[in-house]
Amino acid sequence: MKIVGVTACPSGVAHTYMAAEALKLAGEKHGVEILIETQGGAGVENKLSDKDISEAVCVILSNDIDIKGQERFKGKPCLRKGVSSLIKQSDAIVKALKLKFEN
């Protein structure tokens, strides 16, 4: 199972990357491949490929600021959360998504 996401925060520094890392670690814990694109102070990093997006069962988007390129995810189930929630609740979020989208 693959989940993709984009994290971004108003300052584009710490929380953007902390949320990405928290989601990746939760994915490892629950056996879910999670790929996260960051849109931070350094610009877009780890840009998601069209293939990764098409293979993903859902998309996680931080909603603290507008995400660039949201149209790439049209038709995919999206979960929108603030970066603080993604950091603090990443384990529960990934667990719930795994249960929801497991075959």
PDB file of N, CA and C in Angstrom:
ATOM      1  N   MET A   1       0.852  -1.167   0.000  1.00  0.00           N
ATOM      2  CA  MET A   1       0.000   0.000   0.000  1.00  0.00           C
ATOM      3  C   MET A   1       0.896   1.228   0.000  1.00  0.00           C
ATOM      4  N   LYS A   2       0.500   2.217  -0.812  1.00  0.00           N
ATOM      5  CA  LYS A   2       1.270   3.450  -0.910  1.00  0.00           C
ATOM      6  C   LYS A   2       0.366   4.642  -0.633  1.00  0.00           C
ATOM      7  N   ILE A   3       0.888   5.575   0.165  1.00  0.00           N
ATOM      8  CA  ILE A   3       0.230   6.845   0.440  1.00  0.00           C
ATOM      9  C   ILE A   3       1.223   7.935   0.066  1.00  0.00           C
ATOM     10  N   VAL A   4       0.740   8.976  -0.586  1.00  0.00           N
ATOM     11  CA  VAL A   4       1.586  10.127  -0.894  1.00  0.00           C
ATOM     12  C   VAL A   4       1.040  11.345  -0.168  1.00  0.00           C
ATOM     13  N   GLY A   5       1.877  12.353  -0.041  1.00  0.00           N
ATOM     14  CA  GLY A   5       1.422  13.559   0.622  1.00  0.00           C
ATOM     15  C   GLY A   5       2.319  14.738   0.344  1.00  0.00           C
ATOM     16  N   VAL A   6       1.829  15.904   0.757  1.00  0.00           N
ATOM     17  CA  VAL A   6       2.597  17.138   0.645  1.00  0.00           C
ATOM     18  C   VAL A   6       2.463  17.875   1.968  1.00  0.00           C
ATOM     19  N   THR A   7       3.604  18.257   2.536  1.00  0.00           N
ATOM     20  CA  THR A   7       3.577  19.052   3.754  1.00  0.00           C
ATOM     21  C   THR A   7       4.136  20.439   3.459  1.00  0.00           C
ATOM     22  N   ALA A   8       3.538  21.426   4.096  1.00  0.00           N
ATOM     23  CA  ALA A   8       3.972  22.817   3.979  1.00  0.00           C
ATOM     24  C   ALA A   8       3.423  23.575   5.175  1.00  0.00           C
ATOM     25  N   CYS A   9       4.160  24.575   5.618  1.00  0.00           N
ATOM     26  CA  CYS A   9       3.685  25.410   6.720  1.00  0.00           C
ATOM     27  C   CYS A   9       3.988  26.868   6.385  1.00  0.00           C
ATOM     28  N   PRO A  10       3.373  27.808   7.091  1.00  0.00           N
ATOM     29  CA  PRO A  10       3.558  29.223   6.764  1.00  0.00           C
ATOM     30  C   PRO A  10       5.016  29.686   6.731  1.00  0.00           C
ATOM     31  N   SER A  11       5.829  29.223   7.665  1.00  0.00           N
ATOM     32  CA  SER A  11       7.233  29.658   7.672  1.00  0.00           C
ATOM     33  C   SER A  11       8.091  28.808   6.737  1.00  0.00           C
ATOM     34  N   GLY A  12       7.613  27.615   6.405  1.00  0.00           N
ATOM     35  CA  GLY A  12       8.323  26.756   5.464  1.00  0.00           C
ATOM     36  C   GLY A  12       9.603  26.162   6.008  1.00  0.00           C
ATOM     37  N   VAL A  13       9.681  26.053   7.327  1.00  0.00           N
ATOM     38  CA  VAL A  13      10.919  25.532   7.893  1.00  0.00           C
ATOM     39  C   VAL A  13      10.624  24.258   8.683  1.00  0.00           C
ATOM     40  N   ALA A  14      10.712  24.319   9.965  1.00  0.00           N
ATOM     41  CA  ALA A  14      10.715  23.128  10.811  1.00  0.00           C
ATOM     42  C   ALA A  14       9.478  22.247  10.668  1.00  0.00           C
ATOM     43  N   HIS A  15       8.294  22.802  10.812  1.00  0.00           N
ATOM     44  CA  HIS A  15       7.090  21.971  10.837  1.00  0.00           C
ATOM     45  C   HIS A  15       6.852  21.235   9.519  1.00  0.00           C
ATOM     46  N   THR A  16       7.217  21.836   8.410  1.00  0.00           N
ATOM     47  CA  THR A  16       7.089  21.166   7.111  1.00  0.00           C
ATOM     48  C   THR A  16       7.831  19.837   7.132  1.00  0.00           C
ATOM     49  N   TYR A  17       9.063  19.880   7.596  1.00  0.00           N
ATOM     50  CA  TYR A  17       9.928  18.697   7.579  1.00  0.00           C
ATOM     51  C   TYR A  17       9.632  17.741   8.729  1.00  0.00           C
ATOM     52  N   MET A  18       9.228  18.291   9.866  1.00  0.00           N
ATOM     53  CA  MET A  18       8.850  17.439  11.001  1.00  0.00           C
ATOM     54  C   MET A  18       7.620  16.607  10.662  1.00  0.00           C
ATOM     55  N   ALA A  19       6.649  17.203   9.986  1.00  0.00           N
ATOM     56  CA  ALA A  19       5.439  16.472   9.594  1.00  0.00           C
ATOM     57  C   ALA A  19       5.786  15.378   8.591  1.00  0.00           C
ATOM     58  N   ALA A  20       6.635  15.694   7.631  1.00  0.00           N
ATOM     59  CA  ALA A  20       7.046  14.698   6.630  1.00  0.00           C
ATOM     60  C   ALA A  20       7.730  13.520   7.308  1.00  0.00           C
ATOM     61  N   GLU A  21       8.641  13.801   8.219  1.00  0.00           N
ATOM     62  CA  GLU A  21       9.373  12.748   8.918  1.00  0.00           C
ATOM     63  C   GLU A  21       8.445  11.904   9.791  1.00  0.00           C
ATOM     64  N   ALA A  22       7.530  12.552  10.493  1.00  0.00           N
ATOM     65  CA  ALA A  22       6.587  11.820  11.352  1.00  0.00           C
ATOM     66  C   ALA A  22       5.731  10.856  10.531  1.00  0.00           C
ATOM     67  N   LEU A  23       5.279  11.305   9.380  1.00  0.00           N
ATOM     68  CA  LEU A  23       4.455  10.436   8.524  1.00  0.00           C
ATOM     69  C   LEU A  23       5.266   9.263   7.981  1.00  0.00           C
ATOM     70  N   LYS A  24       6.495   9.521   7.572  1.00  0.00           N
ATOM     71  CA  LYS A  24       7.344   8.443   7.065  1.00  0.00           C
ATOM     72  C   LYS A  24       7.609   7.401   8.151  1.00  0.00           C
ATOM     73  N   LEU A  25       7.908   7.849   9.360  1.00  0.00           N
ATOM     74  CA  LEU A  25       8.154   6.912  10.464  1.00  0.00           C
ATOM     75  C   LEU A  25       6.909   6.108  10.808  1.00  0.00           C
ATOM     76  N   ALA A  26       5.757   6.749  10.788  1.00  0.00           N
ATOM     77  CA  ALA A  26       4.505   6.026  11.044  1.00  0.00           C
ATOM     78  C   ALA A  26       4.252   4.998   9.950  1.00  0.00           C
ATOM     79  N   GLY A  27       4.578   5.354   8.724  1.00  0.00           N
ATOM     80  CA  GLY A  27       4.428   4.404   7.617  1.00  0.00           C
ATOM     81  C   GLY A  27       5.308   3.179   7.814  1.00  0.00           C
ATOM     82  N   GLU A  28       6.545   3.403   8.202  1.00  0.00           N
ATOM     83  CA  GLU A  28       7.456   2.274   8.456  1.00  0.00           C
ATOM     84  C   GLU A  28       6.897   1.379   9.559  1.00  0.00           C
ATOM     85  N   LYS A  29       6.385   1.988  10.605  1.00  0.00           N
ATOM     86  CA  LYS A  29       5.840   1.231  11.735  1.00  0.00           C
ATOM     87  C   LYS A  29       4.672   0.350  11.311  1.00  0.00           C
ATOM     88  N   HIS A  30       3.836   0.855  10.405  1.00  0.00           N
ATOM     89  CA  HIS A  30       2.616   0.140  10.013  1.00  0.00           C
ATOM     90  C   HIS A  30       2.728  -0.575   8.659  1.00  0.00           C
ATOM     91  N   GLY A  31       3.920  -0.620   8.099  1.00  0.00           N
ATOM     92  CA  GLY A  31       4.122  -1.334   6.847  1.00  0.00           C
ATOM     93  C   GLY A  31       3.457  -0.672   5.649  1.00  0.00           C
ATOM     94  N   VAL A  32       3.432   0.648   5.652  1.00  0.00           N
ATOM     95  CA  VAL A  32       2.823   1.413   4.564  1.00  0.00           C
ATOM     96  C   VAL A  32       3.914   2.270   3.919  1.00  0.00           C
ATOM     97  N   GLU A  33       4.022   2.200   2.611  1.00  0.00           N
ATOM     98  CA  GLU A  33       4.976   3.063   1.908  1.00  0.00           C
ATOM     99  C   GLU A  33       4.398   4.474   1.860  1.00  0.00           C
ATOM    100  N   ILE A  34       5.138   5.425   2.387  1.00  0.00           N
ATOM    101  CA  ILE A  34       4.669   6.813   2.402  1.00  0.00           C
ATOM    102  C   ILE A  34       5.737   7.687   1.760  1.00  0.00           C
ATOM    103  N   LEU A  35       5.335   8.406   0.727  1.00  0.00           N
ATOM    104  CA  LEU A  35       6.213   9.342   0.042  1.00  0.00           C
ATOM    105  C   LEU A  35       5.671  10.742   0.267  1.00  0.00           C
ATOM    106  N   ILE A  36       6.523  11.631   0.754  1.00  0.00           N
ATOM    107  CA  ILE A  36       6.096  12.984   1.082  1.00  0.00           C
ATOM    108  C   ILE A  36       6.922  14.008   0.313  1.00  0.00           C
ATOM    109  N   GLU A  37       6.226  14.883  -0.377  1.00  0.00           N
ATOM    110  CA  GLU A  37       6.834  16.042  -1.021  1.00  0.00           C
ATOM    111  C   GLU A  37       6.771  17.184  -0.018  1.00  0.00           C
ATOM    112  N   THR A  38       7.873  17.904   0.153  1.00  0.00           N
ATOM    113  CA  THR A  38       7.851  19.063   1.038  1.00  0.00           C
ATOM    114  C   THR A  38       7.885  20.332   0.198  1.00  0.00           C
ATOM    115  N   GLN A  39       7.092  21.296   0.632  1.00  0.00           N
ATOM    116  CA  GLN A  39       7.086  22.609  -0.003  1.00  0.00           C
ATOM    117  C   GLN A  39       7.451  23.604   1.082  1.00  0.00           C
ATOM    118  N   GLY A  40       8.755  23.720   1.316  1.00  0.00           N
ATOM    119  CA  GLY A  40       9.250  24.539   2.416  1.00  0.00           C
ATOM    120  C   GLY A  40      10.061  25.720   1.948  1.00  0.00           C
ATOM    121  N   GLY A  41      10.854  26.232   2.865  1.00  0.00           N
ATOM    122  CA  GLY A  41      11.680  27.391   2.590  1.00  0.00           C
ATOM    123  C   GLY A  41      12.682  27.149   1.470  1.00  0.00           C
ATOM    124  N   ALA A  42      13.078  25.907   1.266  1.00  0.00           N
ATOM    125  CA  ALA A  42      14.023  25.552   0.210  1.00  0.00           C
ATOM    126  C   ALA A  42      13.324  25.255  -1.110  1.00  0.00           C
ATOM    127  N   GLY A  43      12.014  25.491  -1.171  1.00  0.00           N
ATOM    128  CA  GLY A  43      11.252  25.189  -2.378  1.00  0.00           C
ATOM    129  C   GLY A  43      10.663  23.788  -2.313  1.00  0.00           C
ATOM    130  N   VAL A  44      10.338  23.236  -3.473  1.00  0.00           N
ATOM    131  CA  VAL A  44       9.753  21.896  -3.548  1.00  0.00           C
ATOM    132  C   VAL A  44      10.881  20.873  -3.517  1.00  0.00           C
ATOM    133  N   GLU A  45      10.772  19.944  -2.573  1.00  0.00           N
ATOM    134  CA  GLU A  45      11.755  18.869  -2.470  1.00  0.00           C
ATOM    135  C   GLU A  45      11.020  17.533  -2.493  1.00  0.00           C
ATOM    136  N   ASN A  46      11.686  16.517  -3.041  1.00  0.00           N
ATOM    137  CA  ASN A  46      11.113  15.167  -3.153  1.00  0.00           C
ATOM    138  C   ASN A  46       9.800  15.196  -3.925  1.00  0.00           C
ATOM    139  N   LYS A  47       9.790  15.916  -5.049  1.00  0.00           N
ATOM    140  CA  LYS A  47       8.575  16.061  -5.858  1.00  0.00           C
ATOM    141  C   LYS A  47       8.013  14.696  -6.219  1.00  0.00           C
ATOM    142  N   LEU A  48       6.715  14.541  -6.002  1.00  0.00           N
ATOM    143  CA  LEU A  48       6.040  13.276  -6.290  1.00  0.00           C
ATOM    144  C   LEU A  48       5.909  13.084  -7.794  1.00  0.00           C
ATOM    145  N   SER A  49       6.177  11.882  -8.243  1.00  0.00           N
ATOM    146  CA  SER A  49       6.034  11.576  -9.669  1.00  0.00           C
ATOM    147  C   SER A  49       4.574  11.231  -9.978  1.00  0.00           C
ATOM    148  N   ASP A  50       4.218  11.345 -11.241  1.00  0.00           N
ATOM    149  CA  ASP A  50       2.871  10.956 -11.665  1.00  0.00           C
ATOM    150  C   ASP A  50       2.611   9.489 -11.337  1.00  0.00           C
ATOM    151  N   LYS A  51       3.642   8.656 -11.487  1.00  0.00           N
ATOM    152  CA  LYS A  51       3.512   7.220 -11.189  1.00  0.00           C
ATOM    153  C   LYS A  51       3.208   6.999  -9.710  1.00  0.00           C
ATOM    154  N   ASP A  52       3.939   7.691  -8.830  1.00  0.00           N
ATOM    155  CA  ASP A  52       3.697   7.544  -7.392  1.00  0.00           C
ATOM    156  C   ASP A  52       2.282   7.978  -7.035  1.00  0.00           C
ATOM    157  N   ILE A  53       1.837   9.068  -7.616  1.00  0.00           N
ATOM    158  CA  ILE A  53       0.485   9.557  -7.333  1.00  0.00           C
ATOM    159  C   ILE A  53      -0.556   8.554  -7.822  1.00  0.00           C
ATOM    160  N   SER A  54      -0.359   8.008  -9.011  1.00  0.00           N
ATOM    161  CA  SER A  54      -1.352   7.064  -9.552  1.00  0.00           C
ATOM    162  C   SER A  54      -1.399   5.772  -8.739  1.00  0.00           C
ATOM    163  N   GLU A  55      -0.284   5.354  -8.158  1.00  0.00           N
ATOM    164  CA  GLU A  55      -0.224   4.126  -7.370  1.00  0.00           C
ATOM    165  C   GLU A  55      -0.742   4.306  -5.942  1.00  0.00           C
ATOM    166  N   ALA A  56      -0.874   5.537  -5.500  1.00  0.00           N
ATOM    167  CA  ALA A  56      -1.270   5.802  -4.112  1.00  0.00           C
ATOM    168  C   ALA A  56      -2.759   5.560  -3.905  1.00  0.00           C
ATOM    169  N   VAL A  57      -3.083   5.032  -2.711  1.00  0.00           N
ATOM    170  CA  VAL A  57      -4.492   4.820  -2.375  1.00  0.00           C
ATOM    171  C   VAL A  57      -5.143   6.109  -1.900  1.00  0.00           C
ATOM    172  N   CYS A  58      -4.326   7.038  -1.379  1.00  0.00           N
ATOM    173  CA  CYS A  58      -4.850   8.327  -0.938  1.00  0.00           C
ATOM    174  C   CYS A  58      -3.719   9.329  -0.812  1.00  0.00           C
ATOM    175  N   VAL A  59      -4.109  10.571  -0.555  1.00  0.00           N
ATOM    176  CA  VAL A  59      -3.170  11.683  -0.466  1.00  0.00           C
ATOM    177  C   VAL A  59      -3.382  12.400   0.871  1.00  0.00           C
ATOM    178  N   ILE A  60      -2.292  12.742   1.527  1.00  0.00           N
ATOM    179  CA  ILE A  60      -2.349  13.552   2.746  1.00  0.00           C
ATOM    180  C   ILE A  60      -1.793  14.930   2.402  1.00  0.00           C
ATOM    181  N   LEU A  61      -2.569  15.957   2.667  1.00  0.00           N
ATOM    182  CA  LEU A  61      -2.132  17.331   2.400  1.00  0.00           C
ATOM    183  C   LEU A  61      -2.208  18.157   3.670  1.00  0.00           C
ATOM    184  N   SER A  62      -1.145  18.889   3.952  1.00  0.00           N
ATOM    185  CA  SER A  62      -1.244  19.826   5.073  1.00  0.00           C
ATOM    186  C   SER A  62      -2.087  21.007   4.602  1.00  0.00           C
ATOM    187  N   ASN A  63      -2.849  21.576   5.514  1.00  0.00           N
ATOM    188  CA  ASN A  63      -3.772  22.636   5.105  1.00  0.00           C
ATOM    189  C   ASN A  63      -3.472  23.982   5.756  1.00  0.00           C
ATOM    190  N   ASP A  64      -2.246  24.171   6.239  1.00  0.00           N
ATOM    191  CA  ASP A  64      -1.894  25.434   6.874  1.00  0.00           C
ATOM    192  C   ASP A  64      -1.728  26.557   5.851  1.00  0.00           C
ATOM    193  N   ILE A  65      -1.274  26.195   4.653  1.00  0.00           N
ATOM    194  CA  ILE A  65      -1.162  27.147   3.546  1.00  0.00           C
ATOM    195  C   ILE A  65      -1.527  26.399   2.271  1.00  0.00           C
ATOM    196  N   ASP A  66      -1.706  27.132   1.173  1.00  0.00           N
ATOM    197  CA  ASP A  66      -2.031  26.489  -0.100  1.00  0.00           C
ATOM    198  C   ASP A  66      -0.874  25.620  -0.572  1.00  0.00           C
ATOM    199  N   ILE A  67      -1.225  24.459  -1.063  1.00  0.00           N
ATOM    200  CA  ILE A  67      -0.260  23.523  -1.623  1.00  0.00           C
ATOM    201  C   ILE A  67      -0.178  23.792  -3.125  1.00  0.00           C
ATOM    202  N   LYS A  68       1.033  23.904  -3.636  1.00  0.00           N
ATOM    203  CA  LYS A  68       1.227  24.108  -5.072  1.00  0.00           C
ATOM    204  C   LYS A  68       0.982  22.787  -5.795  1.00  0.00           C
ATOM    205  N   GLY A  69       0.252  22.842  -6.897  1.00  0.00           N
ATOM    206  CA  GLY A  69       0.054  21.659  -7.722  1.00  0.00           C
ATOM    207  C   GLY A  69      -0.993  20.686  -7.215  1.00  0.00           C
ATOM    208  N   GLN A  70      -1.969  21.179  -6.477  1.00  0.00           N
ATOM    209  CA  GLN A  70      -3.003  20.289  -5.931  1.00  0.00           C
ATOM    210  C   GLN A  70      -3.799  19.567  -7.016  1.00  0.00           C
ATOM    211  N   GLU A  71      -3.846  20.144  -8.214  1.00  0.00           N
ATOM    212  CA  GLU A  71      -4.612  19.529  -9.295  1.00  0.00           C
ATOM    213  C   GLU A  71      -4.080  18.143  -9.652  1.00  0.00           C
ATOM    214  N   ARG A  72      -2.849  17.834  -9.291  1.00  0.00           N
ATOM    215  CA  ARG A  72      -2.274  16.507  -9.563  1.00  0.00           C
ATOM    216  C   ARG A  72      -3.027  15.399  -8.848  1.00  0.00           C
ATOM    217  N   PHE A  73      -3.742  15.745  -7.789  1.00  0.00           N
ATOM    218  CA  PHE A  73      -4.386  14.752  -6.946  1.00  0.00           C
ATOM    219  C   PHE A  73      -5.883  14.607  -7.223  1.00  0.00           C
ATOM    220  N   LYS A  74      -6.364  15.230  -8.278  1.00  0.00           N
ATOM    221  CA  LYS A  74      -7.791  15.170  -8.608  1.00  0.00           C
ATOM    222  C   LYS A  74      -8.237  13.717  -8.752  1.00  0.00           C
ATOM    223  N   GLY A  75      -9.338  13.399  -8.087  1.00  0.00           N
ATOM    224  CA  GLY A  75      -9.894  12.052  -8.144  1.00  0.00           C
ATOM    225  C   GLY A  75      -9.366  11.112  -7.064  1.00  0.00           C
ATOM    226  N   LYS A  76      -8.355  11.534  -6.332  1.00  0.00           N
ATOM    227  CA  LYS A  76      -7.803  10.715  -5.253  1.00  0.00           C
ATOM    228  C   LYS A  76      -8.442  11.129  -3.926  1.00  0.00           C
ATOM    229  N   PRO A  77      -8.717  10.179  -3.052  1.00  0.00           N
ATOM    230  CA  PRO A  77      -9.175  10.549  -1.708  1.00  0.00           C
ATOM    231  C   PRO A  77      -8.077  11.367  -1.016  1.00  0.00           C
ATOM    232  N   CYS A  78      -8.466  12.490  -0.427  1.00  0.00           N
ATOM    233  CA  CYS A  78      -7.503  13.379   0.229  1.00  0.00           C
ATOM    234  C   CYS A  78      -7.867  13.578   1.699  1.00  0.00           C
ATOM    235  N   LEU A  79      -6.854  13.563   2.531  1.00  0.00           N
ATOM    236  CA  LEU A  79      -6.989  13.903   3.935  1.00  0.00           C
ATOM    237  C   LEU A  79      -6.219  15.197   4.139  1.00  0.00           C
ATOM    238  N   ARG A  80      -6.901  16.201   4.685  1.00  0.00           N
ATOM    239  CA  ARG A  80      -6.263  17.502   4.929  1.00  0.00           C
ATOM    240  C   ARG A  80      -6.192  17.749   6.429  1.00  0.00           C
ATOM    241  N   LYS A  81      -4.974  17.998   6.885  1.00  0.00           N
ATOM    242  CA  LYS A  81      -4.722  18.241   8.310  1.00  0.00           C
ATOM    243  C   LYS A  81      -3.650  19.311   8.431  1.00  0.00           C
ATOM    244  N   GLY A  82      -3.656  20.008   9.548  1.00  0.00           N
ATOM    245  CA  GLY A  82      -2.588  20.955   9.835  1.00  0.00           C
ATOM    246  C   GLY A  82      -1.298  20.221  10.139  1.00  0.00           C
ATOM    247  N   VAL A  83      -0.162  20.887   9.928  1.00  0.00           N
ATOM    248  CA  VAL A  83       1.111  20.209  10.161  1.00  0.00           C
ATOM    249  C   VAL A  83       1.273  19.787  11.620  1.00  0.00           C
ATOM    250  N   SER A  84       0.759  20.565  12.554  1.00  0.00           N
ATOM    251  CA  SER A  84       0.858  20.173  13.965  1.00  0.00           C
ATOM    252  C   SER A  84       0.117  18.867  14.216  1.00  0.00           C
ATOM    253  N   SER A  85      -1.058  18.721  13.618  1.00  0.00           N
ATOM    254  CA  SER A  85      -1.810  17.466  13.746  1.00  0.00           C
ATOM    255  C   SER A  85      -1.063  16.315  13.094  1.00  0.00           C
ATOM    256  N   LEU A  86      -0.461  16.569  11.943  1.00  0.00           N
ATOM    257  CA  LEU A  86       0.284  15.511  11.263  1.00  0.00           C
ATOM    258  C   LEU A  86       1.471  15.058  12.104  1.00  0.00           C
ATOM    259  N   ILE A  87       2.101  15.986  12.794  1.00  0.00           N
ATOM    260  CA  ILE A  87       3.237  15.632  13.653  1.00  0.00           C
ATOM    261  C   ILE A  87       2.763  14.834  14.860  1.00  0.00           C
ATOM    262  N   LYS A  88       1.762  15.343  15.542  1.00  0.00           N
ATOM    263  CA  LYS A  88       1.311  14.743  16.802  1.00  0.00           C
ATOM    264  C   LYS A  88       0.503  13.462  16.604  1.00  0.00           C
ATOM    265  N   GLN A  89      -0.222  13.348  15.489  1.00  0.00           N
ATOM    266  CA  GLN A  89      -1.151  12.235  15.296  1.00  0.00           C
ATOM    267  C   GLN A  89      -0.775  11.338  14.122  1.00  0.00           C
ATOM    268  N   SER A  90       0.455  11.407  13.662  1.00  0.00           N
ATOM    269  CA  SER A  90       0.840  10.654  12.462  1.00  0.00           C
ATOM    270  C   SER A  90       0.588   9.159  12.608  1.00  0.00           C
ATOM    271  N   ASP A  91       0.898   8.616  13.769  1.00  0.00           N
ATOM    272  CA  ASP A  91       0.702   7.184  13.973  1.00  0.00           C
ATOM    273  C   ASP A  91      -0.770   6.803  13.824  1.00  0.00           C
ATOM    274  N   ALA A  92      -1.646   7.527  14.486  1.00  0.00           N
ATOM    275  CA  ALA A  92      -3.085   7.242  14.411  1.00  0.00           C
ATOM    276  C   ALA A  92      -3.619   7.484  13.004  1.00  0.00           C
ATOM    277  N   ILE A  93      -3.129   8.508  12.327  1.00  0.00           N
ATOM    278  CA  ILE A  93      -3.586   8.827  10.974  1.00  0.00           C
ATOM    279  C   ILE A  93      -3.226   7.697  10.017  1.00  0.00           C
ATOM    280  N   VAL A  94      -1.985   7.267  10.053  1.00  0.00           N
ATOM    281  CA  VAL A  94      -1.539   6.198   9.146  1.00  0.00           C
ATOM    282  C   VAL A  94      -2.258   4.892   9.464  1.00  0.00           C
ATOM    283  N   LYS A  95      -2.416   4.587  10.735  1.00  0.00           N
ATOM    284  CA  LYS A  95      -3.126   3.368  11.134  1.00  0.00           C
ATOM    285  C   LYS A  95      -4.556   3.381  10.603  1.00  0.00           C
ATOM    286  N   ALA A  96      -5.243   4.508  10.752  1.00  0.00           N
ATOM    287  CA  ALA A  96      -6.632   4.617  10.285  1.00  0.00           C
ATOM    288  C   ALA A  96      -6.717   4.514   8.758  1.00  0.00           C
ATOM    289  N   LEU A  97      -5.784   5.140   8.054  1.00  0.00           N
ATOM    290  CA  LEU A  97      -5.797   5.065   6.590  1.00  0.00           C
ATOM    291  C   LEU A  97      -5.505   3.651   6.116  1.00  0.00           C
ATOM    292  N   LYS A  98      -4.605   2.972   6.785  1.00  0.00           N
ATOM    293  CA  LYS A  98      -4.299   1.582   6.428  1.00  0.00           C
ATOM    294  C   LYS A  98      -5.532   0.714   6.575  1.00  0.00           C
ATOM    295  N   LEU A  99      -6.232   0.865   7.697  1.00  0.00           N
ATOM    296  CA  LEU A  99      -7.450   0.082   7.908  1.00  0.00           C
ATOM    297  C   LEU A  99      -8.521   0.404   6.860  1.00  0.00           C
ATOM    298  N   LYS A 100      -8.624   1.660   6.515  1.00  0.00           N
ATOM    299  CA  LYS A 100      -9.637   2.088   5.551  1.00  0.00           C
ATOM    300  C   LYS A 100      -9.389   1.557   4.150  1.00  0.00           C
ATOM    301  N   PHE A 101      -8.110   1.537   3.745  1.00  0.00           N
ATOM    302  CA  PHE A 101      -7.789   1.196   2.348  1.00  0.00           C
ATOM    303  C   PHE A 101      -7.204  -0.185   2.147  1.00  0.00           C
ATOM    304  N   GLU A 102      -7.098  -0.977   3.210  1.00  0.00           N
ATOM    305  CA  GLU A 102      -6.596  -2.340   3.045  1.00  0.00           C
ATOM    306  C   GLU A 102      -7.587  -3.146   2.212  1.00  0.00           C
ATOM    307  N   ASN A 103      -7.028  -4.063   1.450  1.00  0.00           N
ATOM    308  CA  ASN A 103      -7.901  -4.917   0.612  1.00  0.00           C
ATOM    309  C   ASN A 103      -8.626  -5.920   1.453  1.00  0.00           C
TER     310      ASN A 103
END
